[in-house]
Amino acid sequence: MNKLQSTDELLKRLQQGENINLVDVREDDEWEDGHIPQARHVAMSRLQDSMDELQADSGTIWLICRSGARSGRVSDYLNAIGYDAVNVEGGMLAWEGEVVQGR
């Protein structure tokens, strides 16, 4: 079952300087079009080969994608295998904070 957090809650925590383990699971072109500065990029299509990049020892993994669908699937999967993961509801479509472009 999906554990959800809002984009507003994510933005508030980032603005307060909290160190969030934020992972963007969109594909390369989507990432380069615009992403949250504090996020790391681990595309869903490469997740199995990139599990170490999730940095699970850094606490809860916050997952974001375009709308929340892909990150929801990744969140469900990670929680099922023992990780602590939350899905950012609404994804980048709902994000109102800073966005940077490029790699």
PDB file of N, CA and C in Angstrom:
ATOM      1  N   MET A   1       0.841  -1.194   0.000  1.00  0.00           N
ATOM      2  CA  MET A   1       0.000   0.000   0.000  1.00  0.00           C
ATOM      3  C   MET A   1       0.878   1.247   0.000  1.00  0.00           C
ATOM      4  N   ASN A   2       0.482   2.191  -0.790  1.00  0.00           N
ATOM      5  CA  ASN A   2       1.254   3.416  -0.999  1.00  0.00           C
ATOM      6  C   ASN A   2       1.249   4.331   0.226  1.00  0.00           C
ATOM      7  N   LYS A   3       2.444   4.692   0.694  1.00  0.00           N
ATOM      8  CA  LYS A   3       2.544   5.739   1.720  1.00  0.00           C
ATOM      9  C   LYS A   3       2.742   7.040   0.959  1.00  0.00           C
ATOM     10  N   LEU A   4       1.886   8.024   1.230  1.00  0.00           N
ATOM     11  CA  LEU A   4       1.903   9.269   0.462  1.00  0.00           C
ATOM     12  C   LEU A   4       2.378  10.454   1.288  1.00  0.00           C
ATOM     13  N   GLN A   5       3.055  11.370   0.609  1.00  0.00           N
ATOM     14  CA  GLN A   5       3.373  12.686   1.154  1.00  0.00           C
ATOM     15  C   GLN A   5       3.036  13.702   0.067  1.00  0.00           C
ATOM     16  N   SER A   6       2.624  14.872   0.473  1.00  0.00           N
ATOM     17  CA  SER A   6       2.258  15.910  -0.491  1.00  0.00           C
ATOM     18  C   SER A   6       3.490  16.679  -0.960  1.00  0.00           C
ATOM     19  N   THR A   7       3.355  17.305  -2.122  1.00  0.00           N
ATOM     20  CA  THR A   7       4.437  18.177  -2.598  1.00  0.00           C
ATOM     21  C   THR A   7       4.609  19.351  -1.645  1.00  0.00           C
ATOM     22  N   ASP A   8       3.526  19.816  -1.048  1.00  0.00           N
ATOM     23  CA  ASP A   8       3.619  20.921  -0.083  1.00  0.00           C
ATOM     24  C   ASP A   8       4.478  20.529   1.115  1.00  0.00           C
ATOM     25  N   GLU A   9       4.275  19.308   1.614  1.00  0.00           N
ATOM     26  CA  GLU A   9       5.067  18.832   2.752  1.00  0.00           C
ATOM     27  C   GLU A   9       6.534  18.699   2.358  1.00  0.00           C
ATOM     28  N   LEU A  10       6.796  18.187   1.175  1.00  0.00           N
ATOM     29  CA  LEU A  10       8.173  18.067   0.695  1.00  0.00           C
ATOM     30  C   LEU A  10       8.822  19.436   0.591  1.00  0.00           C
ATOM     31  N   LEU A  11       8.122  20.389  -0.013  1.00  0.00           N
ATOM     32  CA  LEU A  11       8.656  21.737  -0.169  1.00  0.00           C
ATOM     33  C   LEU A  11       8.945  22.361   1.193  1.00  0.00           C
ATOM     34  N   LYS A  12       8.027  22.221   2.127  1.00  0.00           N
ATOM     35  CA  LYS A  12       8.207  22.789   3.464  1.00  0.00           C
ATOM     36  C   LYS A  12       9.459  22.218   4.129  1.00  0.00           C
ATOM     37  N   ARG A  13       9.616  20.914   4.065  1.00  0.00           N
ATOM     38  CA  ARG A  13      10.772  20.271   4.699  1.00  0.00           C
ATOM     39  C   ARG A  13      12.081  20.695   4.041  1.00  0.00           C
ATOM     40  N   LEU A  14      12.087  20.789   2.718  1.00  0.00           N
ATOM     41  CA  LEU A  14      13.303  21.227   2.017  1.00  0.00           C
ATOM     42  C   LEU A  14      13.637  22.675   2.371  1.00  0.00           C
ATOM     43  N   GLN A  15      12.616  23.524   2.448  1.00  0.00           N
ATOM     44  CA  GLN A  15      12.846  24.934   2.800  1.00  0.00           C
ATOM     45  C   GLN A  15      13.376  25.080   4.221  1.00  0.00           C
ATOM     46  N   GLN A  16      13.027  24.134   5.092  1.00  0.00           N
ATOM     47  CA  GLN A  16      13.514  24.164   6.473  1.00  0.00           C
ATOM     48  C   GLN A  16      14.913  23.570   6.590  1.00  0.00           C
ATOM     49  N   GLY A  17      15.462  23.124   5.458  1.00  0.00           N
ATOM     50  CA  GLY A  17      16.818  22.602   5.454  1.00  0.00           C
ATOM     51  C   GLY A  17      16.924  21.130   5.796  1.00  0.00           C
ATOM     52  N   GLU A  18      15.780  20.436   5.865  1.00  0.00           N
ATOM     53  CA  GLU A  18      15.828  19.010   6.168  1.00  0.00           C
ATOM     54  C   GLU A  18      16.514  18.265   5.021  1.00  0.00           C
ATOM     55  N   ASN A  19      17.331  17.305   5.376  1.00  0.00           N
ATOM     56  CA  ASN A  19      18.035  16.504   4.381  1.00  0.00           C
ATOM     57  C   ASN A  19      17.125  15.352   3.959  1.00  0.00           C
ATOM     58  N   ILE A  20      16.437  15.524   2.846  1.00  0.00           N
ATOM     59  CA  ILE A  20      15.484  14.532   2.343  1.00  0.00           C
ATOM     60  C   ILE A  20      16.184  13.631   1.332  1.00  0.00           C
ATOM     61  N   ASN A  21      15.987  12.336   1.472  1.00  0.00           N
ATOM     62  CA  ASN A  21      16.510  11.351   0.515  1.00  0.00           C
ATOM     63  C   ASN A  21      15.497  11.272  -0.635  1.00  0.00           C
ATOM     64  N   LEU A  22      15.613  12.214  -1.576  1.00  0.00           N
ATOM     65  CA  LEU A  22      14.635  12.382  -2.652  1.00  0.00           C
ATOM     66  C   LEU A  22      15.168  11.784  -3.946  1.00  0.00           C
ATOM     67  N   VAL A  23      14.385  10.864  -4.524  1.00  0.00           N
ATOM     68  CA  VAL A  23      14.794  10.170  -5.742  1.00  0.00           C
ATOM     69  C   VAL A  23      13.724  10.390  -6.817  1.00  0.00           C
ATOM     70  N   ASP A  24      14.159  10.901  -7.955  1.00  0.00           N
ATOM     71  CA  ASP A  24      13.298  11.124  -9.119  1.00  0.00           C
ATOM     72  C   ASP A  24      13.425   9.905 -10.021  1.00  0.00           C
ATOM     73  N   VAL A  25      12.301   9.221 -10.281  1.00  0.00           N
ATOM     74  CA  VAL A  25      12.349   7.970 -11.042  1.00  0.00           C
ATOM     75  C   VAL A  25      11.951   8.136 -12.509  1.00  0.00           C
ATOM     76  N   ARG A  26      11.861   9.383 -12.977  1.00  0.00           N
ATOM     77  CA  ARG A  26      11.515   9.616 -14.384  1.00  0.00           C
ATOM     78  C   ARG A  26      12.686   9.277 -15.292  1.00  0.00           C
ATOM     79  N   GLU A  27      12.412   9.229 -16.581  1.00  0.00           N
ATOM     80  CA  GLU A  27      13.456   8.912 -17.564  1.00  0.00           C
ATOM     81  C   GLU A  27      14.351  10.134 -17.804  1.00  0.00           C
ATOM     82  N   ASP A  28      15.483   9.910 -18.486  1.00  0.00           N
ATOM     83  CA  ASP A  28      16.504  10.947 -18.654  1.00  0.00           C
ATOM     84  C   ASP A  28      15.965  12.244 -19.250  1.00  0.00           C
ATOM     85  N   ASP A  29      15.156  12.153 -20.301  1.00  0.00           N
ATOM     86  CA  ASP A  29      14.664  13.375 -20.953  1.00  0.00           C
ATOM     87  C   ASP A  29      13.747  14.168 -20.033  1.00  0.00           C
ATOM     88  N   GLU A  30      12.936  13.472 -19.241  1.00  0.00           N
ATOM     89  CA  GLU A  30      12.045  14.159 -18.296  1.00  0.00           C
ATOM     90  C   GLU A  30      12.864  14.850 -17.210  1.00  0.00           C
ATOM     91  N   TRP A  31      13.872  14.165 -16.705  1.00  0.00           N
ATOM     92  CA  TRP A  31      14.769  14.714 -15.674  1.00  0.00           C
ATOM     93  C   TRP A  31      15.426  15.990 -16.179  1.00  0.00           C
ATOM     94  N   GLU A  32      15.956  15.934 -17.403  1.00  0.00           N
ATOM     95  CA  GLU A  32      16.675  17.081 -17.955  1.00  0.00           C
ATOM     96  C   GLU A  32      15.741  18.253 -18.238  1.00  0.00           C
ATOM     97  N   ASP A  33      14.460  17.972 -18.490  1.00  0.00           N
ATOM     98  CA  ASP A  33      13.474  19.039 -18.723  1.00  0.00           C
ATOM     99  C   ASP A  33      13.188  19.841 -17.463  1.00  0.00           C
ATOM    100  N   GLY A  34      13.437  19.266 -16.303  1.00  0.00           N
ATOM    101  CA  GLY A  34      13.241  19.987 -15.053  1.00  0.00           C
ATOM    102  C   GLY A  34      13.060  19.063 -13.874  1.00  0.00           C
ATOM    103  N   HIS A  35      13.867  19.288 -12.824  1.00  0.00           N
ATOM    104  CA  HIS A  35      13.791  18.467 -11.624  1.00  0.00           C
ATOM    105  C   HIS A  35      14.071  19.317 -10.382  1.00  0.00           C
ATOM    106  N   ILE A  36      13.746  18.760  -9.241  1.00  0.00           N
ATOM    107  CA  ILE A  36      13.986  19.423  -7.964  1.00  0.00           C
ATOM    108  C   ILE A  36      15.489  19.383  -7.686  1.00  0.00           C
ATOM    109  N   PRO A  37      16.097  20.534  -7.345  1.00  0.00           N
ATOM    110  CA  PRO A  37      17.556  20.589  -7.173  1.00  0.00           C
ATOM    111  C   PRO A  37      18.112  19.539  -6.208  1.00  0.00           C
ATOM    112  N   GLN A  38      17.388  19.234  -5.139  1.00  0.00           N
ATOM    113  CA  GLN A  38      17.898  18.307  -4.122  1.00  0.00           C
ATOM    114  C   GLN A  38      17.720  16.838  -4.513  1.00  0.00           C
ATOM    115  N   ALA A  39      17.042  16.563  -5.613  1.00  0.00           N
ATOM    116  CA  ALA A  39      16.756  15.178  -6.004  1.00  0.00           C
ATOM    117  C   ALA A  39      17.957  14.509  -6.653  1.00  0.00           C
ATOM    118  N   ARG A  40      17.977  13.188  -6.528  1.00  0.00           N
ATOM    119  CA  ARG A  40      18.911  12.363  -7.279  1.00  0.00           C
ATOM    120  C   ARG A  40      18.097  11.630  -8.332  1.00  0.00           C
ATOM    121  N   HIS A  41      18.720  11.286  -9.434  1.00  0.00           N
ATOM    122  CA  HIS A  41      18.018  10.653 -10.550  1.00  0.00           C
ATOM    123  C   HIS A  41      18.341   9.169 -10.607  1.00  0.00           C
ATOM    124  N   VAL A  42      17.309   8.350 -10.409  1.00  0.00           N
ATOM    125  CA  VAL A  42      17.425   6.903 -10.594  1.00  0.00           C
ATOM    126  C   VAL A  42      16.181   6.494 -11.384  1.00  0.00           C
ATOM    127  N   ALA A  43      16.316   6.433 -12.699  1.00  0.00           N
ATOM    128  CA  ALA A  43      15.166   6.127 -13.554  1.00  0.00           C
ATOM    129  C   ALA A  43      14.569   4.768 -13.192  1.00  0.00           C
ATOM    130  N   MET A  44      13.226   4.694 -13.196  1.00  0.00           N
ATOM    131  CA  MET A  44      12.528   3.461 -12.871  1.00  0.00           C
ATOM    132  C   MET A  44      13.013   2.310 -13.754  1.00  0.00           C
ATOM    133  N   SER A  45      13.297   2.594 -15.012  1.00  0.00           N
ATOM    134  CA  SER A  45      13.733   1.553 -15.940  1.00  0.00           C
ATOM    135  C   SER A  45      15.087   0.957 -15.563  1.00  0.00           C
ATOM    136  N   ARG A  46      15.855   1.661 -14.749  1.00  0.00           N
ATOM    137  CA  ARG A  46      17.176   1.166 -14.321  1.00  0.00           C
ATOM    138  C   ARG A  46      17.224   0.839 -12.831  1.00  0.00           C
ATOM    139  N   LEU A  47      16.078   0.795 -12.188  1.00  0.00           N
ATOM    140  CA  LEU A  47      16.027   0.642 -10.733  1.00  0.00           C
ATOM    141  C   LEU A  47      16.747  -0.617 -10.253  1.00  0.00           C
ATOM    142  N   GLN A  48      16.485  -1.749 -10.886  1.00  0.00           N
ATOM    143  CA  GLN A  48      17.091  -3.003 -10.436  1.00  0.00           C
ATOM    144  C   GLN A  48      18.608  -2.937 -10.429  1.00  0.00           C
ATOM    145  N   ASP A  49      19.185  -2.220 -11.380  1.00  0.00           N
ATOM    146  CA  ASP A  49      20.634  -2.114 -11.474  1.00  0.00           C
ATOM    147  C   ASP A  49      21.195  -0.973 -10.621  1.00  0.00           C
ATOM    148  N   SER A  50      20.329  -0.195 -10.004  1.00  0.00           N
ATOM    149  CA  SER A  50      20.760   1.025  -9.312  1.00  0.00           C
ATOM    150  C   SER A  50      20.304   1.079  -7.865  1.00  0.00           C
ATOM    151  N   MET A  51      20.018  -0.054  -7.271  1.00  0.00           N
ATOM    152  CA  MET A  51      19.487  -0.067  -5.907  1.00  0.00           C
ATOM    153  C   MET A  51      20.422   0.627  -4.914  1.00  0.00           C
ATOM    154  N   ASP A  52      21.748   0.516  -5.125  1.00  0.00           N
ATOM    155  CA  ASP A  52      22.687   1.160  -4.210  1.00  0.00           C
ATOM    156  C   ASP A  52      22.583   2.682  -4.258  1.00  0.00           C
ATOM    157  N   GLU A  53      22.106   3.235  -5.386  1.00  0.00           N
ATOM    158  CA  GLU A  53      21.978   4.690  -5.514  1.00  0.00           C
ATOM    159  C   GLU A  53      20.807   5.257  -4.708  1.00  0.00           C
ATOM    160  N   LEU A  54      19.938   4.388  -4.197  1.00  0.00           N
ATOM    161  CA  LEU A  54      18.802   4.858  -3.407  1.00  0.00           C
ATOM    162  C   LEU A  54      19.234   5.380  -2.047  1.00  0.00           C
ATOM    163  N   GLN A  55      20.427   5.008  -1.618  1.00  0.00           N
ATOM    164  CA  GLN A  55      20.970   5.445  -0.321  1.00  0.00           C
ATOM    165  C   GLN A  55      19.968   5.207   0.809  1.00  0.00           C
ATOM    166  N   ALA A  56      19.518   3.963   0.922  1.00  0.00           N
ATOM    167  CA  ALA A  56      18.506   3.597   1.909  1.00  0.00           C
ATOM    168  C   ALA A  56      18.948   3.875   3.338  1.00  0.00           C
ATOM    169  N   ASP A  57      20.269   3.920   3.577  1.00  0.00           N
ATOM    170  CA  ASP A  57      20.758   4.198   4.924  1.00  0.00           C
ATOM    171  C   ASP A  57      20.592   5.665   5.307  1.00  0.00           C
ATOM    172  N   SER A  58      20.107   6.488   4.362  1.00  0.00           N
ATOM    173  CA  SER A  58      19.876   7.913   4.639  1.00  0.00           C
ATOM    174  C   SER A  58      18.447   8.183   5.104  1.00  0.00           C
ATOM    175  N   GLY A  59      17.750   7.158   5.542  1.00  0.00           N
ATOM    176  CA  GLY A  59      16.390   7.327   6.033  1.00  0.00           C
ATOM    177  C   GLY A  59      15.361   7.079   4.951  1.00  0.00           C
ATOM    178  N   THR A  60      14.170   7.569   5.193  1.00  0.00           N
ATOM    179  CA  THR A  60      13.049   7.365   4.288  1.00  0.00           C
ATOM    180  C   THR A  60      13.391   7.842   2.878  1.00  0.00           C
ATOM    181  N   ILE A  61      13.061   7.026   1.897  1.00  0.00           N
ATOM    182  CA  ILE A  61      13.272   7.377   0.492  1.00  0.00           C
ATOM    183  C   ILE A  61      11.993   8.038  -0.020  1.00  0.00           C
ATOM    184  N   TRP A  62      12.098   9.291  -0.440  1.00  0.00           N
ATOM    185  CA  TRP A  62      10.979  10.014  -1.034  1.00  0.00           C
ATOM    186  C   TRP A  62      11.095   9.852  -2.545  1.00  0.00           C
ATOM    187  N   LEU A  63      10.033   9.362  -3.180  1.00  0.00           N
ATOM    188  CA  LEU A  63      10.056   9.082  -4.613  1.00  0.00           C
ATOM    189  C   LEU A  63       9.122  10.015  -5.352  1.00  0.00           C
ATOM    190  N   ILE A  64       9.603  10.544  -6.481  1.00  0.00           N
ATOM    191  CA  ILE A  64       8.787  11.458  -7.282  1.00  0.00           C
ATOM    192  C   ILE A  64       8.940  11.103  -8.758  1.00  0.00           C
ATOM    193  N   CYS A  65       7.850  11.324  -9.505  1.00  0.00           N
ATOM    194  CA  CYS A  65       7.879  11.163 -10.965  1.00  0.00           C
ATOM    195  C   CYS A  65       7.048  12.303 -11.555  1.00  0.00           C
ATOM    196  N   ARG A  66       6.467  12.103 -12.706  1.00  0.00           N
ATOM    197  CA  ARG A  66       5.690  13.168 -13.335  1.00  0.00           C
ATOM    198  C   ARG A  66       4.367  13.406 -12.603  1.00  0.00           C
ATOM    199  N   SER A  67       3.622  12.318 -12.364  1.00  0.00           N
ATOM    200  CA  SER A  67       2.282  12.472 -11.787  1.00  0.00           C
ATOM    201  C   SER A  67       2.068  11.712 -10.486  1.00  0.00           C
ATOM    202  N   GLY A  68       2.981  10.835 -10.149  1.00  0.00           N
ATOM    203  CA  GLY A  68       2.849  10.024  -8.938  1.00  0.00           C
ATOM    204  C   GLY A  68       2.572   8.562  -9.214  1.00  0.00           C
ATOM    205  N   ALA A  69       2.320   8.191 -10.468  1.00  0.00           N
ATOM    206  CA  ALA A  69       2.002   6.796 -10.795  1.00  0.00           C
ATOM    207  C   ALA A  69       3.239   5.899 -10.730  1.00  0.00           C
ATOM    208  N   ARG A  70       4.294   6.263 -11.460  1.00  0.00           N
ATOM    209  CA  ARG A  70       5.508   5.440 -11.452  1.00  0.00           C
ATOM    210  C   ARG A  70       6.159   5.426 -10.077  1.00  0.00           C
ATOM    211  N   SER A  71       6.243   6.592  -9.446  1.00  0.00           N
ATOM    212  CA  SER A  71       6.850   6.628  -8.114  1.00  0.00           C
ATOM    213  C   SER A  71       6.012   5.836  -7.119  1.00  0.00           C
ATOM    214  N   GLY A  72       4.707   5.770  -7.338  1.00  0.00           N
ATOM    215  CA  GLY A  72       3.845   4.949  -6.492  1.00  0.00           C
ATOM    216  C   GLY A  72       4.168   3.472  -6.627  1.00  0.00           C
ATOM    217  N   ARG A  73       4.393   3.024  -7.864  1.00  0.00           N
ATOM    218  CA  ARG A  73       4.757   1.626  -8.087  1.00  0.00           C
ATOM    219  C   ARG A  73       6.114   1.314  -7.464  1.00  0.00           C
ATOM    220  N   VAL A  74       7.068   2.227  -7.623  1.00  0.00           N
ATOM    221  CA  VAL A  74       8.398   2.016  -7.032  1.00  0.00           C
ATOM    222  C   VAL A  74       8.298   2.007  -5.510  1.00  0.00           C
ATOM    223  N   SER A  75       7.511   2.903  -4.954  1.00  0.00           N
ATOM    224  CA  SER A  75       7.318   2.966  -3.506  1.00  0.00           C
ATOM    225  C   SER A  75       6.727   1.658  -2.983  1.00  0.00           C
ATOM    226  N   ASP A  76       5.682   1.160  -3.653  1.00  0.00           N
ATOM    227  CA  ASP A  76       5.072  -0.110  -3.243  1.00  0.00           C
ATOM    228  C   ASP A  76       6.102  -1.236  -3.267  1.00  0.00           C
ATOM    229  N   TYR A  77       6.888  -1.292  -4.339  1.00  0.00           N
ATOM    230  CA  TYR A  77       7.898  -2.333  -4.488  1.00  0.00           C
ATOM    231  C   TYR A  77       8.938  -2.240  -3.374  1.00  0.00           C
ATOM    232  N   LEU A  78       9.469  -1.039  -3.145  1.00  0.00           N
ATOM    233  CA  LEU A  78      10.513  -0.875  -2.132  1.00  0.00           C
ATOM    234  C   LEU A  78       9.997  -1.210  -0.737  1.00  0.00           C
ATOM    235  N   ASN A  79       8.780  -0.764  -0.423  1.00  0.00           N
ATOM    236  CA  ASN A  79       8.212  -1.082   0.890  1.00  0.00           C
ATOM    237  C   ASN A  79       8.015  -2.594   1.038  1.00  0.00           C
ATOM    238  N   ALA A  80       7.630  -3.266  -0.051  1.00  0.00           N
ATOM    239  CA  ALA A  80       7.398  -4.716  -0.010  1.00  0.00           C
ATOM    240  C   ALA A  80       8.678  -5.496   0.261  1.00  0.00           C
ATOM    241  N   ILE A  81       9.830  -4.939  -0.138  1.00  0.00           N
ATOM    242  CA  ILE A  81      11.098  -5.656   0.089  1.00  0.00           C
ATOM    243  C   ILE A  81      11.866  -5.092   1.285  1.00  0.00           C
ATOM    244  N   GLY A  82      11.201  -4.284   2.098  1.00  0.00           N
ATOM    245  CA  GLY A  82      11.791  -3.889   3.369  1.00  0.00           C
ATOM    246  C   GLY A  82      12.355  -2.492   3.482  1.00  0.00           C
ATOM    247  N   TYR A  83      12.258  -1.693   2.431  1.00  0.00           N
ATOM    248  CA  TYR A  83      12.721  -0.305   2.500  1.00  0.00           C
ATOM    249  C   TYR A  83      11.632   0.577   3.100  1.00  0.00           C
ATOM    250  N   ASP A  84      12.002   1.757   3.554  1.00  0.00           N
ATOM    251  CA  ASP A  84      11.042   2.764   4.019  1.00  0.00           C
ATOM    252  C   ASP A  84      10.933   3.807   2.913  1.00  0.00           C
ATOM    253  N   ALA A  85       9.823   3.767   2.168  1.00  0.00           N
ATOM    254  CA  ALA A  85       9.663   4.652   1.016  1.00  0.00           C
ATOM    255  C   ALA A  85       8.293   5.314   1.036  1.00  0.00           C
ATOM    256  N   VAL A  86       8.258   6.579   0.572  1.00  0.00           N
ATOM    257  CA  VAL A  86       6.997   7.297   0.422  1.00  0.00           C
ATOM    258  C   VAL A  86       6.908   7.851  -1.002  1.00  0.00           C
ATOM    259  N   ASN A  87       5.692   7.952  -1.475  1.00  0.00           N
ATOM    260  CA  ASN A  87       5.414   8.497  -2.805  1.00  0.00           C
ATOM    261  C   ASN A  87       4.984   9.948  -2.669  1.00  0.00           C
ATOM    262  N   VAL A  88       5.590  10.838  -3.457  1.00  0.00           N
ATOM    263  CA  VAL A  88       5.196  12.246  -3.459  1.00  0.00           C
ATOM    264  C   VAL A  88       3.975  12.368  -4.376  1.00  0.00           C
ATOM    265  N   GLU A  89       2.838  12.578  -3.737  1.00  0.00           N
ATOM    266  CA  GLU A  89       1.550  12.599  -4.425  1.00  0.00           C
ATOM    267  C   GLU A  89       1.457  13.749  -5.435  1.00  0.00           C
ATOM    268  N   GLY A  90       1.047  13.424  -6.652  1.00  0.00           N
ATOM    269  CA  GLY A  90       0.891  14.437  -7.690  1.00  0.00           C
ATOM    270  C   GLY A  90       2.149  14.691  -8.503  1.00  0.00           C
ATOM    271  N   GLY A  91       3.299  14.246  -7.981  1.00  0.00           N
ATOM    272  CA  GLY A  91       4.557  14.342  -8.706  1.00  0.00           C
ATOM    273  C   GLY A  91       4.937  15.751  -9.120  1.00  0.00           C
ATOM    274  N   MET A  92       5.730  15.828 -10.165  1.00  0.00           N
ATOM    275  CA  MET A  92       6.223  17.120 -10.647  1.00  0.00           C
ATOM    276  C   MET A  92       5.100  18.003 -11.181  1.00  0.00           C
ATOM    277  N   LEU A  93       3.988  17.404 -11.595  1.00  0.00           N
ATOM    278  CA  LEU A  93       2.853  18.212 -12.053  1.00  0.00           C
ATOM    279  C   LEU A  93       2.300  19.070 -10.920  1.00  0.00           C
ATOM    280  N   ALA A  94       2.428  18.581  -9.682  1.00  0.00           N
ATOM    281  CA  ALA A  94       1.918  19.318  -8.519  1.00  0.00           C
ATOM    282  C   ALA A  94       3.000  20.153  -7.831  1.00  0.00           C
ATOM    283  N   TRP A  95       4.260  19.985  -8.213  1.00  0.00           N
ATOM    284  CA  TRP A  95       5.382  20.658  -7.550  1.00  0.00           C
ATOM    285  C   TRP A  95       5.367  22.154  -7.847  1.00  0.00           C
ATOM    286  N   GLU A  96       5.467  22.973  -6.804  1.00  0.00           N
ATOM    287  CA  GLU A  96       5.456  24.422  -6.960  1.00  0.00           C
ATOM    288  C   GLU A  96       6.761  25.057  -6.514  1.00  0.00           C
ATOM    289  N   GLY A  97       7.738  24.238  -6.184  1.00  0.00           N
ATOM    290  CA  GLY A  97       9.030  24.771  -5.749  1.00  0.00           C
ATOM    291  C   GLY A  97       9.978  24.962  -6.899  1.00  0.00           C
ATOM    292  N   GLU A  98      11.232  25.168  -6.556  1.00  0.00           N
ATOM    293  CA  GLU A  98      12.285  25.424  -7.555  1.00  0.00           C
ATOM    294  C   GLU A  98      12.502  24.210  -8.441  1.00  0.00           C
ATOM    295  N   VAL A  99      12.790  24.472  -9.701  1.00  0.00           N
ATOM    296  CA  VAL A  99      13.095  23.428 -10.679  1.00  0.00           C
ATOM    297  C   VAL A  99      14.360  23.847 -11.430  1.00  0.00           C
ATOM    298  N   VAL A 100      15.257  22.895 -11.632  1.00  0.00           N
ATOM    299  CA  VAL A 100      16.450  23.147 -12.434  1.00  0.00           C
ATOM    300  C   VAL A 100      16.434  22.232 -13.647  1.00  0.00           C
ATOM    301  N   GLN A 101      17.085  22.688 -14.709  1.00  0.00           N
ATOM    302  CA  GLN A 101      17.119  21.905 -15.936  1.00  0.00           C
ATOM    303  C   GLN A 101      18.513  21.375 -16.185  1.00  0.00           C
ATOM    304  N   GLY A 102      18.606  20.376 -17.039  1.00  0.00           N
ATOM    305  CA  GLY A 102      19.892  19.780 -17.372  1.00  0.00           C
ATOM    306  C   GLY A 102      20.156  18.569 -16.538  1.00  0.00           C
ATOM    307  N   ARG A 103      21.375  18.089 -16.620  1.00  0.00           N
ATOM    308  CA  ARG A 103      21.738  16.879 -15.890  1.00  0.00           C
ATOM    309  C   ARG A 103      21.977  17.194 -14.448  1.00  0.00           C
TER     310      ARG A 103
END
